[in-house]
Amino acid sequence: MIAINTNTASTLASYNLQKSSELLQKSLARLSSGNRIATTSDDAGGVAVAMKLSAAVKRTQGTATNVANALSLLQVQAGSMKTAASVLDRLSELATLAGDVTKSTQDVANYSTEYTSLISELNTLALDSFNGVSLFSSTTGTLTAFISQDGQQTMGLSQHNLTGVYATSINTIDVATGGNLSLVTAAIQNLATMMATNGAESSRVQFALDSLNVNQVNLEAALSRIQDVDVATETAKLARANILVQAGAAMLTQANASQSIALKLLQ
């Protein structure tokens, strides 16, 4: 039917052109921002999940940094223990040399001078710290490290009693007891146990750090699937929407021109 007051074809063409324009604008917004969700109405549920995943990613990054710092603390502690081991090796050597039957009292006193100095160095090593946190303790203590992003998993880092490697306090060489050799040997064994504990804790912390890094990659991948635009797919949608807009504009022009037929009939 040809009518003057109503142009249904033009109204329909205008509606279709509007919808095509919305699709075009949405594709442009997604491609220009890189986000699949241009507005919350695009995927309300996805927005909520993305927010939680984004927070989890940041927590994981922060926890990984903390765990890496904990690993550094253990490595510094191990370094101090290695130095202490060298000190004990020398003490063991001095105790052995002082037990030589051919050594005079003055010779033993000379060995004892270095021995006493090294004991002081061992006490100094026991005061080592990492960023103000003591690596060792006068009584064996524990530092708590969080190794999961949700704070539910923790592990203890041992603060060993470095000066406690001696069963009793020994400040000078006592030839009467074999140059304190048995006590020095026991101290070496005690330190070896501490170093083994340090190594075990370092191994666990390293695995925890590796796990956090893998979790971060997986969380970021999940987050990307929700919020990042698929450029290839969206480019195809953009091309389709662009064609629809052009076709819709052309059809709207044709629909508006159709009323000129009524004028011709009135002539």
C-alpha atoms as a PDB file:
ATOM      1  CA  MET A   1       0.000   0.000   0.000  1.00  0.00           C
ATOM      2  CA  ILE A   2       1.204   3.480  -0.907  1.00  0.00           C
ATOM      3  CA  ALA A   3       0.512   5.987   1.922  1.00  0.00           C
ATOM      4  CA  ILE A   4       1.481   9.580   2.705  1.00  0.00           C
ATOM      5  CA  ASN A   5       1.192   9.730   6.513  1.00  0.00           C
ATOM      6  CA  THR A   6       2.924   6.434   7.246  1.00  0.00           C
ATOM      7  CA  ASN A   7       6.096   5.031   5.709  1.00  0.00           C
ATOM      8  CA  THR A   8       6.517   1.637   7.288  1.00  0.00           C
ATOM      9  CA  ALA A   9       9.457   0.745   5.078  1.00  0.00           C
ATOM     10  CA  SER A  10      11.340   3.861   6.192  1.00  0.00           C
ATOM     11  CA  THR A  11      10.621   3.163   9.886  1.00  0.00           C
ATOM     12  CA  LEU A  12      11.852  -0.417   9.573  1.00  0.00           C
ATOM     13  CA  ALA A  13      14.940   0.635   7.647  1.00  0.00           C
ATOM     14  CA  SER A  14      15.668   3.284  10.276  1.00  0.00           C
ATOM     15  CA  TYR A  15      15.343   0.728  13.074  1.00  0.00           C
ATOM     16  CA  ASN A  16      17.648  -1.734  11.343  1.00  0.00           C
ATOM     17  CA  LEU A  17      20.166   1.028  10.657  1.00  0.00           C
ATOM     18  CA  GLN A  18      20.125   1.982  14.334  1.00  0.00           C
ATOM     19  CA  LYS A  19      20.777  -1.611  15.451  1.00  0.00           C
ATOM     20  CA  SER A  20      23.574  -1.987  12.900  1.00  0.00           C
ATOM     21  CA  SER A  21      25.108   1.269  14.107  1.00  0.00           C
ATOM     22  CA  GLU A  22      25.033  -0.005  17.693  1.00  0.00           C
ATOM     23  CA  LEU A  23      26.853  -3.178  16.622  1.00  0.00           C
ATOM     24  CA  LEU A  24      29.422  -1.093  14.768  1.00  0.00           C
ATOM     25  CA  GLN A  25      29.992   1.203  17.749  1.00  0.00           C
ATOM     26  CA  LYS A  26      30.306  -1.778  20.093  1.00  0.00           C
ATOM     27  CA  SER A  27      32.912  -3.429  17.876  1.00  0.00           C
ATOM     28  CA  LEU A  28      34.821  -0.168  17.616  1.00  0.00           C
ATOM     29  CA  ALA A  29      34.752   0.228  21.408  1.00  0.00           C
ATOM     30  CA  ARG A  30      35.991  -3.326  21.960  1.00  0.00           C
ATOM     31  CA  LEU A  31      38.801  -3.094  19.427  1.00  0.00           C
ATOM     32  CA  SER A  32      39.917   0.346  20.575  1.00  0.00           C
ATOM     33  CA  SER A  33      39.992  -0.651  24.268  1.00  0.00           C
ATOM     34  CA  GLY A  34      41.116  -4.250  23.833  1.00  0.00           C
ATOM     35  CA  ASN A  35      38.341  -5.351  26.201  1.00  0.00           C
ATOM     36  CA  ARG A  36      35.660  -7.864  25.262  1.00  0.00           C
ATOM     37  CA  ILE A  37      33.349  -6.318  27.855  1.00  0.00           C
ATOM     38  CA  ALA A  38      32.897  -2.719  26.735  1.00  0.00           C
ATOM     39  CA  THR A  39      30.070  -2.096  29.212  1.00  0.00           C
ATOM     40  CA  THR A  40      28.837  -4.098  32.206  1.00  0.00           C
ATOM     41  CA  SER A  41      25.657  -4.954  30.289  1.00  0.00           C
ATOM     42  CA  ASP A  42      27.746  -6.926  27.783  1.00  0.00           C
ATOM     43  CA  ASP A  43      28.498  -9.621  30.374  1.00  0.00           C
ATOM     44  CA  ALA A  44      27.429  -8.775  33.928  1.00  0.00           C
ATOM     45  CA  GLY A  45      28.505 -12.151  35.288  1.00  0.00           C
ATOM     46  CA  GLY A  46      31.807 -11.943  33.475  1.00  0.00           C
ATOM     47  CA  VAL A  47      32.540  -8.563  35.045  1.00  0.00           C
ATOM     48  CA  ALA A  48      32.058 -10.018  38.529  1.00  0.00           C
ATOM     49  CA  VAL A  49      34.277 -13.019  37.833  1.00  0.00           C
ATOM     50  CA  ALA A  50      36.921 -10.819  36.192  1.00  0.00           C
ATOM     51  CA  MET A  51      37.059  -8.578  39.268  1.00  0.00           C
ATOM     52  CA  LYS A  52      37.726 -11.554  41.529  1.00  0.00           C
ATOM     53  CA  LEU A  53      40.308 -13.027  39.173  1.00  0.00           C
ATOM     54  CA  SER A  54      42.054  -9.687  38.835  1.00  0.00           C
ATOM     55  CA  ALA A  55      42.317  -9.402  42.615  1.00  0.00           C
ATOM     56  CA  ALA A  56      43.615 -12.978  42.814  1.00  0.00           C
ATOM     57  CA  VAL A  57      46.279 -12.193  40.224  1.00  0.00           C
ATOM     58  CA  LYS A  58      47.490  -9.187  42.224  1.00  0.00           C
ATOM     59  CA  ARG A  59      47.516 -11.199  45.460  1.00  0.00           C
ATOM     60  CA  THR A  60      49.457 -13.961  43.745  1.00  0.00           C
ATOM     61  CA  GLN A  61      52.006 -11.456  42.464  1.00  0.00           C
ATOM     62  CA  GLY A  62      52.395  -9.980  45.924  1.00  0.00           C
ATOM     63  CA  THR A  63      52.700 -13.398  47.559  1.00  0.00           C
ATOM     64  CA  ALA A  64      55.297 -14.473  44.990  1.00  0.00           C
ATOM     65  CA  THR A  65      57.336 -11.385  45.867  1.00  0.00           C
ATOM     66  CA  ASN A  66      57.080 -12.191  49.574  1.00  0.00           C
ATOM     67  CA  VAL A  67      58.064 -15.813  49.019  1.00  0.00           C
ATOM     68  CA  ALA A  68      61.022 -14.741  46.870  1.00  0.00           C
ATOM     69  CA  ASN A  69      62.127 -12.488  49.728  1.00  0.00           C
ATOM     70  CA  ALA A  70      61.793 -15.410  52.140  1.00  0.00           C
ATOM     71  CA  LEU A  71      64.003 -17.452  49.831  1.00  0.00           C
ATOM     72  CA  SER A  72      66.562 -14.638  49.829  1.00  0.00           C
ATOM     73  CA  LEU A  73      66.505 -14.617  53.639  1.00  0.00           C
ATOM     74  CA  LEU A  74      67.238 -18.341  53.697  1.00  0.00           C
ATOM     75  CA  GLN A  75      70.034 -17.898  51.170  1.00  0.00           C
ATOM     76  CA  VAL A  76      71.638 -15.162  53.277  1.00  0.00           C
ATOM     77  CA  GLN A  77      71.240 -17.384  56.335  1.00  0.00           C
ATOM     78  CA  ALA A  78      72.918 -20.218  54.445  1.00  0.00           C
ATOM     79  CA  GLY A  79      75.773 -17.891  53.556  1.00  0.00           C
ATOM     80  CA  SER A  80      76.314 -17.030  57.220  1.00  0.00           C
ATOM     81  CA  MET A  81      76.222 -20.723  58.095  1.00  0.00           C
ATOM     82  CA  LYS A  82      78.851 -21.511  55.470  1.00  0.00           C
ATOM     83  CA  THR A  83      81.097 -18.863  56.982  1.00  0.00           C
ATOM     84  CA  ALA A  84      80.428 -20.345  60.431  1.00  0.00           C
ATOM     85  CA  ALA A  85      81.334 -23.763  59.033  1.00  0.00           C
ATOM     86  CA  SER A  86      84.667 -22.376  57.850  1.00  0.00           C
ATOM     87  CA  VAL A  87      85.222 -20.901  61.315  1.00  0.00           C
ATOM     88  CA  LEU A  88      84.491 -24.266  62.941  1.00  0.00           C
ATOM     89  CA  ASP A  89      86.806 -26.015  60.498  1.00  0.00           C
ATOM     90  CA  ARG A  90      89.603 -23.713  61.565  1.00  0.00           C
ATOM     91  CA  LEU A  91      88.740 -24.161  65.239  1.00  0.00           C
ATOM     92  CA  SER A  92      88.901 -27.915  64.720  1.00  0.00           C
ATOM     93  CA  GLU A  93      92.278 -27.547  63.075  1.00  0.00           C
ATOM     94  CA  LEU A  94      93.588 -25.309  65.874  1.00  0.00           C
ATOM     95  CA  ALA A  95      92.329 -27.731  68.530  1.00  0.00           C
ATOM     96  CA  THR A  96      94.138 -30.544  66.767  1.00  0.00           C
ATOM     97  CA  LEU A  97      97.381 -28.599  66.414  1.00  0.00           C
ATOM     98  CA  ALA A  98      97.287 -27.552  70.063  1.00  0.00           C
ATOM     99  CA  GLY A  99      97.153 -31.198  71.055  1.00  0.00           C
ATOM    100  CA  ASP A 100     100.575 -31.865  69.563  1.00  0.00           C
ATOM    101  CA  VAL A 101     102.846 -33.262  72.272  1.00  0.00           C
ATOM    102  CA  THR A 102     105.769 -31.297  70.849  1.00  0.00           C
ATOM    103  CA  LYS A 103     104.032 -27.958  71.305  1.00  0.00           C
ATOM    104  CA  SER A 104     105.126 -25.803  74.197  1.00  0.00           C
ATOM    105  CA  THR A 105     102.808 -23.933  76.525  1.00  0.00           C
ATOM    106  CA  GLN A 106     103.560 -20.755  74.573  1.00  0.00           C
ATOM    107  CA  ASP A 107     102.713 -22.493  71.302  1.00  0.00           C
ATOM    108  CA  VAL A 108      99.355 -23.559  72.694  1.00  0.00           C
ATOM    109  CA  ALA A 109      98.775 -19.998  73.915  1.00  0.00           C
ATOM    110  CA  ASN A 110      99.413 -18.706  70.398  1.00  0.00           C
ATOM    111  CA  TYR A 111      96.889 -21.147  68.949  1.00  0.00           C
ATOM    112  CA  SER A 112      94.490 -20.161  71.698  1.00  0.00           C
ATOM    113  CA  THR A 113      94.739 -16.496  70.689  1.00  0.00           C
ATOM    114  CA  GLU A 114      93.399 -17.232  67.192  1.00  0.00           C
ATOM    115  CA  TYR A 115      90.914 -19.716  68.622  1.00  0.00           C
ATOM    116  CA  THR A 116      89.468 -17.081  70.961  1.00  0.00           C
ATOM    117  CA  SER A 117      89.279 -14.551  68.131  1.00  0.00           C
ATOM    118  CA  LEU A 118      87.365 -16.991  65.946  1.00  0.00           C
ATOM    119  CA  ILE A 119      84.915 -17.721  68.755  1.00  0.00           C
ATOM    120  CA  SER A 120      84.188 -13.981  68.805  1.00  0.00           C
ATOM    121  CA  GLU A 121      83.620 -14.062  65.042  1.00  0.00           C
ATOM    122  CA  LEU A 122      81.183 -16.933  65.487  1.00  0.00           C
ATOM    123  CA  ASN A 123      79.263 -14.833  68.021  1.00  0.00           C
ATOM    124  CA  THR A 124      79.276 -11.937  65.561  1.00  0.00           C
ATOM    125  CA  LEU A 125      77.825 -14.136  62.797  1.00  0.00           C
ATOM    126  CA  ALA A 126      74.993 -15.042  65.148  1.00  0.00           C
ATOM    127  CA  LEU A 127      73.911 -11.370  65.011  1.00  0.00           C
ATOM    128  CA  ASP A 128      73.457 -11.331  61.217  1.00  0.00           C
ATOM    129  CA  SER A 129      70.112 -10.053  59.933  1.00  0.00           C
ATOM    130  CA  PHE A 130      68.175  -9.585  56.708  1.00  0.00           C
ATOM    131  CA  ASN A 131      66.394  -6.239  56.337  1.00  0.00           C
ATOM    132  CA  GLY A 132      66.384  -5.895  60.114  1.00  0.00           C
ATOM    133  CA  VAL A 133      65.061  -9.431  60.696  1.00  0.00           C
ATOM    134  CA  SER A 134      67.429 -11.618  62.729  1.00  0.00           C
ATOM    135  CA  LEU A 135      68.656 -14.700  60.894  1.00  0.00           C
ATOM    136  CA  PHE A 136      69.480 -16.481  64.140  1.00  0.00           C
ATOM    137  CA  SER A 137      68.086 -16.526  67.650  1.00  0.00           C
ATOM    138  CA  SER A 138      69.522 -17.138  71.106  1.00  0.00           C
ATOM    139  CA  THR A 139      66.784 -19.721  71.422  1.00  0.00           C
ATOM    140  CA  THR A 140      65.680 -21.427  68.219  1.00  0.00           C
ATOM    141  CA  GLY A 141      62.665 -19.547  66.871  1.00  0.00           C
ATOM    142  CA  THR A 142      60.464 -19.612  63.783  1.00  0.00           C
ATOM    143  CA  LEU A 143      59.460 -16.978  61.232  1.00  0.00           C
ATOM    144  CA  THR A 144      56.077 -17.522  59.552  1.00  0.00           C
ATOM    145  CA  ALA A 145      55.952 -17.161  55.772  1.00  0.00           C
ATOM    146  CA  PHE A 146      52.671 -17.145  53.817  1.00  0.00           C
ATOM    147  CA  ILE A 147      53.060 -19.254  50.678  1.00  0.00           C
ATOM    148  CA  SER A 148      49.567 -19.047  49.131  1.00  0.00           C
ATOM    149  CA  GLN A 149      47.684 -16.053  47.765  1.00  0.00           C
ATOM    150  CA  ASP A 150      44.670 -16.732  49.979  1.00  0.00           C
ATOM    151  CA  GLY A 151      46.814 -16.711  53.137  1.00  0.00           C
ATOM    152  CA  GLN A 152      45.687 -20.213  54.103  1.00  0.00           C
ATOM    153  CA  GLN A 153      49.042 -21.954  53.659  1.00  0.00           C
ATOM    154  CA  THR A 154      52.091 -21.035  55.727  1.00  0.00           C
ATOM    155  CA  MET A 155      55.484 -22.481  56.557  1.00  0.00           C
ATOM    156  CA  GLY A 156      58.044 -21.805  59.268  1.00  0.00           C
ATOM    157  CA  LEU A 157      61.550 -20.518  58.618  1.00  0.00           C
ATOM    158  CA  SER A 158      63.930 -21.573  61.357  1.00  0.00           C
ATOM    159  CA  GLN A 159      65.938 -18.995  63.292  1.00  0.00           C
ATOM    160  CA  HIS A 160      68.694 -21.310  64.512  1.00  0.00           C
ATOM    161  CA  ASN A 161      70.700 -20.753  67.657  1.00  0.00           C
ATOM    162  CA  LEU A 162      74.091 -20.378  65.995  1.00  0.00           C
ATOM    163  CA  THR A 163      75.968 -19.845  69.247  1.00  0.00           C
ATOM    164  CA  GLY A 164      74.234 -22.939  70.604  1.00  0.00           C
ATOM    165  CA  VAL A 165      76.199 -25.276  68.356  1.00  0.00           C
ATOM    166  CA  TYR A 166      78.491 -25.741  71.348  1.00  0.00           C
ATOM    167  CA  ALA A 167      77.207 -28.001  74.074  1.00  0.00           C
ATOM    168  CA  THR A 168      79.096 -25.770  76.509  1.00  0.00           C
ATOM    169  CA  SER A 169      80.734 -22.405  76.153  1.00  0.00           C
ATOM    170  CA  ILE A 170      84.383 -22.749  75.050  1.00  0.00           C
ATOM    171  CA  ASN A 171      86.508 -19.633  74.826  1.00  0.00           C
ATOM    172  CA  THR A 172      90.044 -21.039  74.924  1.00  0.00           C
ATOM    173  CA  ILE A 173      91.772 -24.242  73.959  1.00  0.00           C
ATOM    174  CA  ASP A 174      91.946 -26.703  76.811  1.00  0.00           C
ATOM    175  CA  VAL A 175      94.732 -29.166  76.078  1.00  0.00           C
ATOM    176  CA  ALA A 176      93.681 -31.218  79.092  1.00  0.00           C
ATOM    177  CA  THR A 177      90.498 -32.184  77.239  1.00  0.00           C
ATOM    178  CA  GLY A 178      92.241 -32.928  73.965  1.00  0.00           C
ATOM    179  CA  GLY A 179      92.095 -29.345  72.766  1.00  0.00           C
ATOM    180  CA  ASN A 180      88.264 -29.363  73.057  1.00  0.00           C
ATOM    181  CA  LEU A 181      88.320 -31.406  69.851  1.00  0.00           C
ATOM    182  CA  SER A 182      85.274 -33.530  70.683  1.00  0.00           C
ATOM    183  CA  LEU A 183      83.230 -30.424  71.490  1.00  0.00           C
ATOM    184  CA  VAL A 184      84.282 -28.718  68.254  1.00  0.00           C
ATOM    185  CA  THR A 185      83.418 -31.881  66.327  1.00  0.00           C
ATOM    186  CA  ALA A 186      79.992 -31.933  67.965  1.00  0.00           C
ATOM    187  CA  ALA A 187      79.535 -28.258  67.066  1.00  0.00           C
ATOM    188  CA  ILE A 188      80.320 -29.057  63.436  1.00  0.00           C
ATOM    189  CA  GLN A 189      77.679 -31.798  63.482  1.00  0.00           C
ATOM    190  CA  ASN A 190      75.123 -29.430  65.024  1.00  0.00           C
ATOM    191  CA  LEU A 191      75.849 -26.805  62.363  1.00  0.00           C
ATOM    192  CA  ALA A 192      75.582 -29.435  59.631  1.00  0.00           C
ATOM    193  CA  THR A 193      72.098 -30.286  60.899  1.00  0.00           C
ATOM    194  CA  MET A 194      71.136 -26.606  60.839  1.00  0.00           C
ATOM    195  CA  MET A 195      72.412 -26.270  57.274  1.00  0.00           C
ATOM    196  CA  ALA A 196      70.423 -29.329  56.245  1.00  0.00           C
ATOM    197  CA  THR A 197      67.298 -27.753  57.717  1.00  0.00           C
ATOM    198  CA  ASN A 198      68.045 -24.519  55.893  1.00  0.00           C
ATOM    199  CA  GLY A 199      68.441 -26.445  52.634  1.00  0.00           C
ATOM    200  CA  ALA A 200      65.164 -28.301  53.136  1.00  0.00           C
ATOM    201  CA  GLU A 201      63.300 -25.067  53.868  1.00  0.00           C
ATOM    202  CA  SER A 202      64.886 -23.365  50.853  1.00  0.00           C
ATOM    203  CA  SER A 203      63.797 -26.256  48.634  1.00  0.00           C
ATOM    204  CA  ARG A 204      60.197 -26.026  49.838  1.00  0.00           C
ATOM    205  CA  VAL A 205      60.129 -22.246  49.444  1.00  0.00           C
ATOM    206  CA  GLN A 206      61.463 -22.570  45.887  1.00  0.00           C
ATOM    207  CA  PHE A 207      58.709 -25.052  45.007  1.00  0.00           C
ATOM    208  CA  ALA A 208      56.132 -22.725  46.579  1.00  0.00           C
ATOM    209  CA  LEU A 209      57.486 -19.865  44.462  1.00  0.00           C
ATOM    210  CA  ASP A 210      57.328 -21.986  41.306  1.00  0.00           C
ATOM    211  CA  SER A 211      53.726 -22.927  42.118  1.00  0.00           C
ATOM    212  CA  LEU A 212      52.764 -19.287  42.618  1.00  0.00           C
ATOM    213  CA  ASN A 213      54.325 -18.322  39.292  1.00  0.00           C
ATOM    214  CA  VAL A 214      52.427 -21.095  37.487  1.00  0.00           C
ATOM    215  CA  ASN A 215      49.186 -20.114  39.233  1.00  0.00           C
ATOM    216  CA  GLN A 216      49.686 -16.513  38.193  1.00  0.00           C
ATOM    217  CA  VAL A 217      50.045 -17.523  34.547  1.00  0.00           C
ATOM    218  CA  ASN A 218      46.872 -19.630  34.716  1.00  0.00           C
ATOM    219  CA  LEU A 219      44.895 -16.922  36.505  1.00  0.00           C
ATOM    220  CA  GLU A 220      45.964 -14.339  33.935  1.00  0.00           C
ATOM    221  CA  ALA A 221      44.947 -16.718  31.137  1.00  0.00           C
ATOM    222  CA  ALA A 222      41.506 -17.201  32.695  1.00  0.00           C
ATOM    223  CA  LEU A 223      41.127 -13.462  33.176  1.00  0.00           C
ATOM    224  CA  SER A 224      42.140 -12.840  29.578  1.00  0.00           C
ATOM    225  CA  ARG A 225      39.497 -15.228  28.262  1.00  0.00           C
ATOM    226  CA  ILE A 226      36.840 -13.247  30.094  1.00  0.00           C
ATOM    227  CA  GLN A 227      37.848  -9.640  29.516  1.00  0.00           C
ATOM    228  CA  ASP A 228      40.196  -9.509  26.518  1.00  0.00           C
ATOM    229  CA  VAL A 229      38.750  -9.108  23.042  1.00  0.00           C
ATOM    230  CA  ASP A 230      39.450 -11.688  20.349  1.00  0.00           C
ATOM    231  CA  VAL A 231      40.770  -9.321  17.692  1.00  0.00           C
ATOM    232  CA  ALA A 232      40.230 -11.699  14.777  1.00  0.00           C
ATOM    233  CA  THR A 233      36.625 -12.453  15.712  1.00  0.00           C
ATOM    234  CA  GLU A 234      35.781  -8.862  16.563  1.00  0.00           C
ATOM    235  CA  THR A 235      37.339  -7.574  13.331  1.00  0.00           C
ATOM    236  CA  ALA A 236      35.022  -9.879  11.382  1.00  0.00           C
ATOM    237  CA  LYS A 237      32.076  -8.526  13.379  1.00  0.00           C
ATOM    238  CA  LEU A 238      33.232  -4.976  12.656  1.00  0.00           C
ATOM    239  CA  ALA A 239      33.329  -5.649   8.922  1.00  0.00           C
ATOM    240  CA  ARG A 240      29.850  -7.190   9.044  1.00  0.00           C
ATOM    241  CA  ALA A 241      28.439  -4.293  11.045  1.00  0.00           C
ATOM    242  CA  ASN A 242      30.047  -1.789   8.707  1.00  0.00           C
ATOM    243  CA  ILE A 243      28.430  -3.433   5.693  1.00  0.00           C
ATOM    244  CA  LEU A 244      25.056  -3.535   7.454  1.00  0.00           C
ATOM    245  CA  VAL A 245      25.297   0.166   8.309  1.00  0.00           C
ATOM    246  CA  GLN A 246      26.093   1.089   4.715  1.00  0.00           C
ATOM    247  CA  ALA A 247      23.341  -1.150   3.380  1.00  0.00           C
ATOM    248  CA  GLY A 248      20.883   0.178   5.958  1.00  0.00           C
ATOM    249  CA  ALA A 249      21.666   3.778   5.044  1.00  0.00           C
ATOM    250  CA  ALA A 250      21.127   3.003   1.385  1.00  0.00           C
ATOM    251  CA  MET A 251      17.825   1.222   2.069  1.00  0.00           C
ATOM    252  CA  LEU A 252      16.622   4.087   4.269  1.00  0.00           C
ATOM    253  CA  THR A 253      17.285   6.446   1.396  1.00  0.00           C
ATOM    254  CA  GLN A 254      15.300   4.201  -0.907  1.00  0.00           C
ATOM    255  CA  ALA A 255      12.443   3.914   1.588  1.00  0.00           C
ATOM    256  CA  ASN A 256      12.226   7.680   1.990  1.00  0.00           C
ATOM    257  CA  ALA A 257      12.260   8.115  -1.762  1.00  0.00           C
ATOM    258  CA  SER A 258       9.351   5.721  -2.161  1.00  0.00           C
ATOM    259  CA  GLN A 259       6.868   8.416  -1.046  1.00  0.00           C
ATOM    260  CA  SER A 260       7.693  10.387  -4.162  1.00  0.00           C
ATOM    261  CA  ILE A 261       5.558   7.775  -5.971  1.00  0.00           C
ATOM    262  CA  ALA A 262       2.506   9.117  -4.153  1.00  0.00           C
ATOM    263  CA  LEU A 263       3.240  12.617  -5.443  1.00  0.00           C
ATOM    264  CA  LYS A 264       3.412  11.337  -8.979  1.00  0.00           C
ATOM    265  CA  LEU A 265       0.029   9.665  -8.564  1.00  0.00           C
ATOM    266  CA  LEU A 266      -1.435  12.975  -7.359  1.00  0.00           C
ATOM    267  CA  GLN A 267      -0.175  14.852 -10.436  1.00  0.00           C
END
